Amino acid sequence: MTKSKVWMAVALCSVVVALAAIFYGQRNGTTGGVPPSAGEQTEAQPVDPTAPVPGTAPAPGTGAAPTPSPPEPGVGGTGQAVNPPQAAQLIASQPGSQINLRLQPTTASETRGYGVMGDPVQLLRSAEASDGTWYFVKFDESGAEGWIRGDFINTAGRATPLPNRASQSSTCEGLMEAMTFTAFYDANGFHLVRFVNLETRNTFDGTLSRQGSSNQGQPQYQGTMSPPTGGSYPVELTDLSGGTPRSGSEVAVDYEGIEGTGTCR
């Protein structure tokens, strides 16, 4: 065999070996032995059933915070901007109800998670639909964003700012079942009471006006409360000091049959 034929045979063998290596690599799902680049996923990752749901508080003891959903794409997004963003609170007819957070302002849209009654949110945009007004919201705690229908939102906010008269008044504070209350008074008597639900953190106010006296001659004040969960309920305050509220005196409050007493500062 001549020298040129030997070199041709060697070259042919090299080609055969290379083709065999490529064929073997393709059958075994590799790319010529080169590993995937850093961070590349070679298969879908399973969904973690214990992961927190956007918009909800972390489960007790987990210490995990919900992962914010990505903002709606596009400049400005759907609907009209609420400028500046407005503080609000989720409401529902039943405590513990899950209020869907959706990708678009329609019940047919994909859900991103849910919130619960009392969750504080920021209203970023609004849109009108056949079933009412929808709001694009951002949860205060988790940062999750999405659309929620307006009948599940208290657009009046968590509590209106205290009027000037109340901020300059003295107070009486007390506890009644799962709520605390603060009654505000000045030289003209009691004029406002504020409730805080200890479970949902809902805060709501009622204006009081003098409505005579009790059989014991103690001044009585009445008003109407409208909590974020809806409805309108009567509230009555009795000044147990006999008309001269001061530090250490007491008041009695009746809110829709729930009674409690408070001590004045």
C-alpha atoms as a PDB file:
ATOM      1  CA  MET A   1       0.000   0.000   0.000  1.00  0.00           C
ATOM      2  CA  THR A   2       1.348   3.362  -1.011  1.00  0.00           C
ATOM      3  CA  LYS A   3       1.821   6.184   1.509  1.00  0.00           C
ATOM      4  CA  SER A   4      -1.030   8.244   0.039  1.00  0.00           C
ATOM      5  CA  LYS A   5      -3.432   5.326   0.371  1.00  0.00           C
ATOM      6  CA  VAL A   6      -2.473   4.907   4.042  1.00  0.00           C
ATOM      7  CA  TRP A   7      -3.316   8.548   4.756  1.00  0.00           C
ATOM      8  CA  MET A   8      -6.659   8.190   2.950  1.00  0.00           C
ATOM      9  CA  ALA A   9      -7.529   5.156   5.078  1.00  0.00           C
ATOM     10  CA  VAL A  10      -6.647   7.010   8.303  1.00  0.00           C
ATOM     11  CA  ALA A  11      -8.808  10.024   7.299  1.00  0.00           C
ATOM     12  CA  LEU A  12     -11.744   7.772   6.438  1.00  0.00           C
ATOM     13  CA  CYS A  13     -11.535   6.061   9.828  1.00  0.00           C
ATOM     14  CA  SER A  14     -11.522   9.448  11.586  1.00  0.00           C
ATOM     15  CA  VAL A  15     -14.704  10.496   9.792  1.00  0.00           C
ATOM     16  CA  VAL A  16     -16.446   7.231  10.728  1.00  0.00           C
ATOM     17  CA  VAL A  17     -15.467   7.623  14.410  1.00  0.00           C
ATOM     18  CA  ALA A  18     -16.744  11.241  14.494  1.00  0.00           C
ATOM     19  CA  LEU A  19     -20.095  10.317  12.924  1.00  0.00           C
ATOM     20  CA  ALA A  20     -20.525   7.476  15.413  1.00  0.00           C
ATOM     21  CA  ALA A  21     -19.890   9.831  18.339  1.00  0.00           C
ATOM     22  CA  ILE A  22     -22.454  12.356  17.087  1.00  0.00           C
ATOM     23  CA  PHE A  23     -25.050   9.631  16.555  1.00  0.00           C
ATOM     24  CA  TYR A  24     -24.477   8.233  20.061  1.00  0.00           C
ATOM     25  CA  GLY A  25     -24.756  11.696  21.627  1.00  0.00           C
ATOM     26  CA  GLN A  26     -28.042  12.455  19.877  1.00  0.00           C
ATOM     27  CA  ARG A  27     -29.585   9.219  21.108  1.00  0.00           C
ATOM     28  CA  ASN A  28     -28.651  10.040  24.699  1.00  0.00           C
ATOM     29  CA  GLY A  29     -30.066  13.572  24.727  1.00  0.00           C
ATOM     30  CA  THR A  30     -26.733  15.404  24.973  1.00  0.00           C
ATOM     31  CA  THR A  31     -25.155  17.978  22.722  1.00  0.00           C
ATOM     32  CA  GLY A  32     -21.839  16.440  22.002  1.00  0.00           C
ATOM     33  CA  GLY A  33     -21.078  16.167  25.744  1.00  0.00           C
ATOM     34  CA  VAL A  34     -21.514  19.943  26.400  1.00  0.00           C
ATOM     35  CA  PRO A  35     -23.485  20.503  29.661  1.00  0.00           C
ATOM     36  CA  PRO A  36     -26.408  23.006  29.783  1.00  0.00           C
ATOM     37  CA  SER A  37     -25.325  26.570  30.500  1.00  0.00           C
ATOM     38  CA  ALA A  38     -25.676  27.869  34.062  1.00  0.00           C
ATOM     39  CA  GLY A  39     -29.304  28.496  35.037  1.00  0.00           C
ATOM     40  CA  GLU A  40     -30.776  26.666  32.048  1.00  0.00           C
ATOM     41  CA  GLN A  41     -33.671  24.360  32.937  1.00  0.00           C
ATOM     42  CA  THR A  42     -33.692  21.025  31.198  1.00  0.00           C
ATOM     43  CA  GLU A  43     -37.223  20.166  32.440  1.00  0.00           C
ATOM     44  CA  ALA A  44     -40.215  21.912  34.013  1.00  0.00           C
ATOM     45  CA  GLN A  45     -40.054  22.398  37.761  1.00  0.00           C
ATOM     46  CA  PRO A  46     -42.975  21.076  39.856  1.00  0.00           C
ATOM     47  CA  VAL A  47     -45.300  23.584  41.481  1.00  0.00           C
ATOM     48  CA  ASP A  48     -44.711  23.923  45.210  1.00  0.00           C
ATOM     49  CA  PRO A  49     -48.130  23.401  46.874  1.00  0.00           C
ATOM     50  CA  THR A  50     -46.854  25.145  50.011  1.00  0.00           C
ATOM     51  CA  ALA A  51     -45.940  28.359  48.180  1.00  0.00           C
ATOM     52  CA  PRO A  52     -47.857  31.415  49.442  1.00  0.00           C
ATOM     53  CA  VAL A  53     -50.742  32.747  47.375  1.00  0.00           C
ATOM     54  CA  PRO A  54     -50.342  36.311  46.026  1.00  0.00           C
ATOM     55  CA  GLY A  55     -52.261  38.826  48.086  1.00  0.00           C
ATOM     56  CA  THR A  56     -52.659  36.661  51.158  1.00  0.00           C
ATOM     57  CA  ALA A  57     -50.820  36.735  54.447  1.00  0.00           C
ATOM     58  CA  PRO A  58     -48.232  33.984  55.032  1.00  0.00           C
ATOM     59  CA  ALA A  59     -49.359  30.943  56.950  1.00  0.00           C
ATOM     60  CA  PRO A  60     -48.718  31.226  60.713  1.00  0.00           C
ATOM     61  CA  GLY A  61     -45.213  30.175  61.607  1.00  0.00           C
ATOM     62  CA  THR A  62     -43.869  30.006  58.047  1.00  0.00           C
ATOM     63  CA  GLY A  63     -42.381  33.480  57.983  1.00  0.00           C
ATOM     64  CA  ALA A  64     -42.742  33.470  54.181  1.00  0.00           C
ATOM     65  CA  ALA A  65     -44.035  36.533  52.361  1.00  0.00           C
ATOM     66  CA  PRO A  66     -46.238  36.265  49.253  1.00  0.00           C
ATOM     67  CA  THR A  67     -44.442  36.721  45.948  1.00  0.00           C
ATOM     68  CA  PRO A  68     -45.572  39.864  44.105  1.00  0.00           C
ATOM     69  CA  SER A  69     -47.239  39.229  40.756  1.00  0.00           C
ATOM     70  CA  PRO A  70     -45.682  41.028  37.784  1.00  0.00           C
ATOM     71  CA  PRO A  71     -47.334  44.318  36.878  1.00  0.00           C
ATOM     72  CA  GLU A  72     -49.830  44.417  34.046  1.00  0.00           C
ATOM     73  CA  PRO A  73     -47.947  44.922  30.757  1.00  0.00           C
ATOM     74  CA  GLY A  74     -48.180  48.080  28.734  1.00  0.00           C
ATOM     75  CA  VAL A  75     -47.863  51.734  29.593  1.00  0.00           C
ATOM     76  CA  GLY A  76     -50.810  52.680  31.781  1.00  0.00           C
ATOM     77  CA  GLY A  77     -52.502  49.311  31.269  1.00  0.00           C
ATOM     78  CA  THR A  78     -56.248  48.791  31.015  1.00  0.00           C
ATOM     79  CA  GLY A  79     -58.714  51.392  32.285  1.00  0.00           C
ATOM     80  CA  GLN A  80     -58.200  54.787  33.863  1.00  0.00           C
ATOM     81  CA  ALA A  81     -55.388  55.596  36.265  1.00  0.00           C
ATOM     82  CA  VAL A  82     -56.316  56.430  39.859  1.00  0.00           C
ATOM     83  CA  ASN A  83     -54.022  59.371  40.461  1.00  0.00           C
ATOM     84  CA  PRO A  84     -52.835  59.551  43.134  1.00  0.00           C
ATOM     85  CA  PRO A  85     -53.296  55.884  44.139  1.00  0.00           C
ATOM     86  CA  GLN A  86     -56.071  55.510  46.714  1.00  0.00           C
ATOM     87  CA  ALA A  87     -56.004  53.462  49.926  1.00  0.00           C
ATOM     88  CA  ALA A  88     -58.810  50.909  50.197  1.00  0.00           C
ATOM     89  CA  GLN A  89     -59.704  47.648  51.906  1.00  0.00           C
ATOM     90  CA  LEU A  90     -61.216  44.346  50.773  1.00  0.00           C
ATOM     91  CA  ILE A  91     -64.725  43.547  51.983  1.00  0.00           C
ATOM     92  CA  ALA A  92     -66.965  40.484  51.822  1.00  0.00           C
ATOM     93  CA  SER A  93     -70.302  39.344  53.167  1.00  0.00           C
ATOM     94  CA  GLN A  94     -68.657  36.406  54.944  1.00  0.00           C
ATOM     95  CA  PRO A  95     -65.416  36.669  56.972  1.00  0.00           C
ATOM     96  CA  GLY A  96     -62.707  34.419  55.552  1.00  0.00           C
ATOM     97  CA  SER A  97     -64.089  34.475  52.003  1.00  0.00           C
ATOM     98  CA  GLN A  98     -61.451  34.296  49.278  1.00  0.00           C
ATOM     99  CA  ILE A  99     -61.644  37.309  46.954  1.00  0.00           C
ATOM    100  CA  ASN A 100     -60.146  36.491  43.556  1.00  0.00           C
ATOM    101  CA  LEU A 101     -57.296  38.561  42.171  1.00  0.00           C
ATOM    102  CA  ARG A 102     -57.559  38.350  38.366  1.00  0.00           C
ATOM    103  CA  LEU A 103     -55.309  39.005  35.386  1.00  0.00           C
ATOM    104  CA  GLN A 104     -57.972  41.052  33.578  1.00  0.00           C
ATOM    105  CA  PRO A 105     -61.179  42.867  34.722  1.00  0.00           C
ATOM    106  CA  THR A 106     -63.542  39.959  34.057  1.00  0.00           C
ATOM    107  CA  THR A 107     -64.618  36.860  35.986  1.00  0.00           C
ATOM    108  CA  ALA A 108     -63.586  34.774  32.972  1.00  0.00           C
ATOM    109  CA  SER A 109     -59.959  35.840  33.406  1.00  0.00           C
ATOM    110  CA  GLU A 110     -57.188  33.796  34.963  1.00  0.00           C
ATOM    111  CA  THR A 111     -56.726  34.219  38.711  1.00  0.00           C
ATOM    112  CA  ARG A 112     -53.411  35.250  40.266  1.00  0.00           C
ATOM    113  CA  GLY A 113     -54.390  34.315  43.791  1.00  0.00           C
ATOM    114  CA  TYR A 114     -56.787  35.827  46.279  1.00  0.00           C
ATOM    115  CA  GLY A 115     -57.203  38.233  49.164  1.00  0.00           C
ATOM    116  CA  VAL A 116     -59.413  38.124  52.241  1.00  0.00           C
ATOM    117  CA  MET A 117     -61.688  40.568  53.988  1.00  0.00           C
ATOM    118  CA  GLY A 118     -59.737  43.366  55.623  1.00  0.00           C
ATOM    119  CA  ASP A 119     -56.657  43.177  53.374  1.00  0.00           C
ATOM    120  CA  PRO A 120     -55.375  46.729  52.720  1.00  0.00           C
ATOM    121  CA  VAL A 121     -54.768  47.561  49.058  1.00  0.00           C
ATOM    122  CA  GLN A 122     -53.893  50.516  46.855  1.00  0.00           C
ATOM    123  CA  LEU A 123     -56.226  51.342  43.945  1.00  0.00           C
ATOM    124  CA  LEU A 124     -54.082  51.990  40.861  1.00  0.00           C
ATOM    125  CA  ARG A 125     -56.597  51.894  37.970  1.00  0.00           C
ATOM    126  CA  SER A 126     -60.303  51.401  37.339  1.00  0.00           C
ATOM    127  CA  ALA A 127     -62.246  49.932  34.435  1.00  0.00           C
ATOM    128  CA  GLU A 128     -65.963  49.696  33.673  1.00  0.00           C
ATOM    129  CA  ALA A 129     -67.400  46.308  32.717  1.00  0.00           C
ATOM    130  CA  SER A 130     -70.872  44.820  32.229  1.00  0.00           C
ATOM    131  CA  ASP A 131     -70.876  43.569  35.841  1.00  0.00           C
ATOM    132  CA  GLY A 132     -69.703  46.853  37.385  1.00  0.00           C
ATOM    133  CA  THR A 133     -66.482  48.703  38.151  1.00  0.00           C
ATOM    134  CA  TRP A 134     -63.220  46.793  38.509  1.00  0.00           C
ATOM    135  CA  TYR A 135     -60.042  48.045  40.185  1.00  0.00           C
ATOM    136  CA  PHE A 136     -56.432  47.177  39.475  1.00  0.00           C
ATOM    137  CA  VAL A 137     -55.009  46.918  42.996  1.00  0.00           C
ATOM    138  CA  LYS A 138     -51.704  46.398  44.755  1.00  0.00           C
ATOM    139  CA  PHE A 139     -51.629  44.605  48.104  1.00  0.00           C
ATOM    140  CA  ASP A 140     -49.864  46.602  50.800  1.00  0.00           C
ATOM    141  CA  GLU A 141     -48.133  43.622  52.415  1.00  0.00           C
ATOM    142  CA  SER A 142     -47.204  41.303  49.534  1.00  0.00           C
ATOM    143  CA  GLY A 143     -47.014  43.758  46.639  1.00  0.00           C
ATOM    144  CA  ALA A 144     -49.171  41.411  44.523  1.00  0.00           C
ATOM    145  CA  GLU A 145     -51.151  43.155  41.778  1.00  0.00           C
ATOM    146  CA  GLY A 146     -54.273  42.327  39.781  1.00  0.00           C
ATOM    147  CA  TRP A 147     -57.945  43.122  39.183  1.00  0.00           C
ATOM    148  CA  ILE A 148     -60.728  42.857  41.786  1.00  0.00           C
ATOM    149  CA  ARG A 149     -64.378  43.747  41.244  1.00  0.00           C
ATOM    150  CA  GLY A 150     -65.505  46.921  42.993  1.00  0.00           C
ATOM    151  CA  ASP A 151     -68.202  45.337  45.162  1.00  0.00           C
ATOM    152  CA  PHE A 152     -65.416  43.573  47.086  1.00  0.00           C
ATOM    153  CA  ILE A 153     -63.575  46.824  47.818  1.00  0.00           C
ATOM    154  CA  ASN A 154     -64.245  49.519  50.386  1.00  0.00           C
ATOM    155  CA  THR A 155     -63.198  52.500  48.311  1.00  0.00           C
ATOM    156  CA  ALA A 156     -63.647  54.810  51.308  1.00  0.00           C
ATOM    157  CA  GLY A 157     -60.311  53.513  52.591  1.00  0.00           C
ATOM    158  CA  ARG A 158     -59.350  51.873  55.847  1.00  0.00           C
ATOM    159  CA  ALA A 159     -60.455  54.917  57.797  1.00  0.00           C
ATOM    160  CA  THR A 160     -61.001  58.521  56.896  1.00  0.00           C
ATOM    161  CA  PRO A 161     -58.505  60.958  58.447  1.00  0.00           C
ATOM    162  CA  LEU A 162     -59.610  62.348  61.775  1.00  0.00           C
ATOM    163  CA  PRO A 163     -61.322  65.731  61.469  1.00  0.00           C
ATOM    164  CA  ASN A 164     -59.634  68.702  63.086  1.00  0.00           C
ATOM    165  CA  ARG A 165     -62.079  68.674  65.972  1.00  0.00           C
ATOM    166  CA  ALA A 166     -61.223  65.071  66.858  1.00  0.00           C
ATOM    167  CA  SER A 167     -57.483  65.616  66.599  1.00  0.00           C
ATOM    168  CA  GLN A 168     -57.822  68.383  69.191  1.00  0.00           C
ATOM    169  CA  SER A 169     -60.134  66.412  71.511  1.00  0.00           C
ATOM    170  CA  SER A 170     -59.618  64.225  74.553  1.00  0.00           C
ATOM    171  CA  THR A 171     -60.365  60.503  74.289  1.00  0.00           C
ATOM    172  CA  CYS A 172     -61.858  57.547  76.132  1.00  0.00           C
ATOM    173  CA  GLU A 173     -60.713  54.063  75.120  1.00  0.00           C
ATOM    174  CA  GLY A 174     -62.217  50.636  75.663  1.00  0.00           C
ATOM    175  CA  LEU A 175     -62.567  47.029  74.437  1.00  0.00           C
ATOM    176  CA  MET A 176     -65.726  45.217  73.327  1.00  0.00           C
ATOM    177  CA  GLU A 177     -65.460  41.617  72.117  1.00  0.00           C
ATOM    178  CA  ALA A 178     -63.071  41.623  69.109  1.00  0.00           C
ATOM    179  CA  MET A 179     -63.021  45.419  68.737  1.00  0.00           C
ATOM    180  CA  THR A 180     -61.442  48.388  70.402  1.00  0.00           C
ATOM    181  CA  PHE A 181     -63.071  51.803  70.401  1.00  0.00           C
ATOM    182  CA  THR A 182     -61.969  55.367  70.939  1.00  0.00           C
ATOM    183  CA  ALA A 183     -64.528  58.044  71.818  1.00  0.00           C
ATOM    184  CA  PHE A 184     -63.611  61.697  71.271  1.00  0.00           C
ATOM    185  CA  TYR A 185     -64.924  64.542  73.451  1.00  0.00           C
ATOM    186  CA  ASP A 186     -64.347  68.242  74.045  1.00  0.00           C
ATOM    187  CA  ALA A 187     -66.083  71.037  75.949  1.00  0.00           C
ATOM    188  CA  ASN A 188     -69.251  70.444  73.906  1.00  0.00           C
ATOM    189  CA  GLY A 189     -69.448  66.738  74.668  1.00  0.00           C
ATOM    190  CA  PHE A 190     -68.806  63.548  72.657  1.00  0.00           C
ATOM    191  CA  HIS A 191     -68.842  63.863  68.893  1.00  0.00           C
ATOM    192  CA  LEU A 192     -67.025  60.872  67.338  1.00  0.00           C
ATOM    193  CA  VAL A 193     -66.301  57.205  68.019  1.00  0.00           C
ATOM    194  CA  ARG A 194     -63.784  55.065  66.108  1.00  0.00           C
ATOM    195  CA  PHE A 195     -63.796  51.257  66.065  1.00  0.00           C
ATOM    196  CA  VAL A 196     -60.942  48.922  65.113  1.00  0.00           C
ATOM    197  CA  ASN A 197     -61.685  45.249  64.378  1.00  0.00           C
ATOM    198  CA  LEU A 198     -58.799  43.348  65.993  1.00  0.00           C
ATOM    199  CA  GLU A 199     -59.093  40.440  63.546  1.00  0.00           C
ATOM    200  CA  THR A 200     -59.383  42.202  60.189  1.00  0.00           C
ATOM    201  CA  ARG A 201     -57.865  45.573  61.248  1.00  0.00           C
ATOM    202  CA  ASN A 202     -60.864  47.282  59.654  1.00  0.00           C
ATOM    203  CA  THR A 203     -61.208  50.813  61.013  1.00  0.00           C
ATOM    204  CA  PHE A 204     -64.446  52.782  60.797  1.00  0.00           C
ATOM    205  CA  ASP A 205     -65.888  55.925  62.376  1.00  0.00           C
ATOM    206  CA  GLY A 206     -69.272  57.210  63.448  1.00  0.00           C
ATOM    207  CA  THR A 207     -70.327  60.774  64.192  1.00  0.00           C
ATOM    208  CA  LEU A 208     -72.213  61.236  67.485  1.00  0.00           C
ATOM    209  CA  SER A 209     -74.858  63.771  68.480  1.00  0.00           C
ATOM    210  CA  ARG A 210     -76.548  64.387  71.825  1.00  0.00           C
ATOM    211  CA  GLN A 211     -79.876  62.566  72.205  1.00  0.00           C
ATOM    212  CA  GLY A 212     -81.088  63.315  75.722  1.00  0.00           C
ATOM    213  CA  SER A 213     -80.186  61.515  78.931  1.00  0.00           C
ATOM    214  CA  SER A 214     -80.655  58.128  80.544  1.00  0.00           C
ATOM    215  CA  ASN A 215     -83.003  57.491  83.465  1.00  0.00           C
ATOM    216  CA  GLN A 216     -80.024  58.194  85.731  1.00  0.00           C
ATOM    217  CA  GLY A 217     -79.477  61.601  84.138  1.00  0.00           C
ATOM    218  CA  GLN A 218     -76.375  60.555  82.205  1.00  0.00           C
ATOM    219  CA  PRO A 219     -75.944  62.231  78.796  1.00  0.00           C
ATOM    220  CA  GLN A 220     -76.512  59.929  75.823  1.00  0.00           C
ATOM    221  CA  TYR A 221     -75.157  60.248  72.297  1.00  0.00           C
ATOM    222  CA  GLN A 222     -76.206  58.349  69.187  1.00  0.00           C
ATOM    223  CA  GLY A 223     -74.814  57.821  65.711  1.00  0.00           C
ATOM    224  CA  THR A 224     -74.625  55.391  62.789  1.00  0.00           C
ATOM    225  CA  MET A 225     -71.695  53.163  61.862  1.00  0.00           C
ATOM    226  CA  SER A 226     -70.981  51.894  58.334  1.00  0.00           C
ATOM    227  CA  PRO A 227     -68.211  49.256  58.534  1.00  0.00           C
ATOM    228  CA  PRO A 228     -66.270  48.261  55.401  1.00  0.00           C
ATOM    229  CA  THR A 229     -68.122  44.931  55.325  1.00  0.00           C
ATOM    230  CA  GLY A 230     -71.291  46.838  54.416  1.00  0.00           C
ATOM    231  CA  GLY A 231     -74.508  47.851  56.113  1.00  0.00           C
ATOM    232  CA  SER A 232     -75.392  50.613  58.543  1.00  0.00           C
ATOM    233  CA  TYR A 233     -75.722  50.043  62.286  1.00  0.00           C
ATOM    234  CA  PRO A 234     -76.674  52.212  65.266  1.00  0.00           C
ATOM    235  CA  VAL A 235     -74.214  53.053  68.009  1.00  0.00           C
ATOM    236  CA  GLU A 236     -75.005  54.645  71.386  1.00  0.00           C
ATOM    237  CA  LEU A 237     -72.622  56.162  73.912  1.00  0.00           C
ATOM    238  CA  THR A 238     -73.536  57.010  77.503  1.00  0.00           C
ATOM    239  CA  ASP A 239     -71.387  59.467  79.424  1.00  0.00           C
ATOM    240  CA  LEU A 240     -71.143  57.829  82.873  1.00  0.00           C
ATOM    241  CA  SER A 241     -69.513  60.947  84.333  1.00  0.00           C
ATOM    242  CA  GLY A 242     -72.882  62.686  84.339  1.00  0.00           C
ATOM    243  CA  GLY A 243     -71.808  65.305  81.812  1.00  0.00           C
ATOM    244  CA  THR A 244     -68.314  66.214  82.956  1.00  0.00           C
ATOM    245  CA  PRO A 245     -65.983  63.731  81.207  1.00  0.00           C
ATOM    246  CA  ARG A 246     -62.429  63.889  82.513  1.00  0.00           C
ATOM    247  CA  SER A 247     -59.394  61.701  83.086  1.00  0.00           C
ATOM    248  CA  GLY A 248     -60.495  58.541  84.924  1.00  0.00           C
ATOM    249  CA  SER A 249     -64.238  58.818  84.167  1.00  0.00           C
ATOM    250  CA  GLU A 250     -65.987  56.157  82.084  1.00  0.00           C
ATOM    251  CA  VAL A 251     -68.285  55.771  79.096  1.00  0.00           C
ATOM    252  CA  ALA A 252     -70.537  52.893  78.035  1.00  0.00           C
ATOM    253  CA  VAL A 253     -70.859  52.031  74.333  1.00  0.00           C
ATOM    254  CA  ASP A 254     -73.500  49.865  72.644  1.00  0.00           C
ATOM    255  CA  TYR A 255     -72.826  48.934  69.025  1.00  0.00           C
ATOM    256  CA  GLU A 256     -75.624  46.811  67.540  1.00  0.00           C
ATOM    257  CA  GLY A 257     -76.055  44.921  70.830  1.00  0.00           C
ATOM    258  CA  ILE A 258     -72.317  44.610  71.509  1.00  0.00           C
ATOM    259  CA  GLU A 259     -71.554  46.436  74.746  1.00  0.00           C
ATOM    260  CA  GLY A 260     -68.380  47.696  76.343  1.00  0.00           C
ATOM    261  CA  THR A 261     -66.992  50.348  78.657  1.00  0.00           C
ATOM    262  CA  GLY A 262     -64.044  52.665  78.263  1.00  0.00           C
ATOM    263  CA  THR A 263     -61.927  54.877  80.477  1.00  0.00           C
ATOM    264  CA  CYS A 264     -61.223  58.506  79.667  1.00  0.00           C
ATOM    265  CA  ARG A 265     -57.770  60.012  79.675  1.00  0.00           C
END
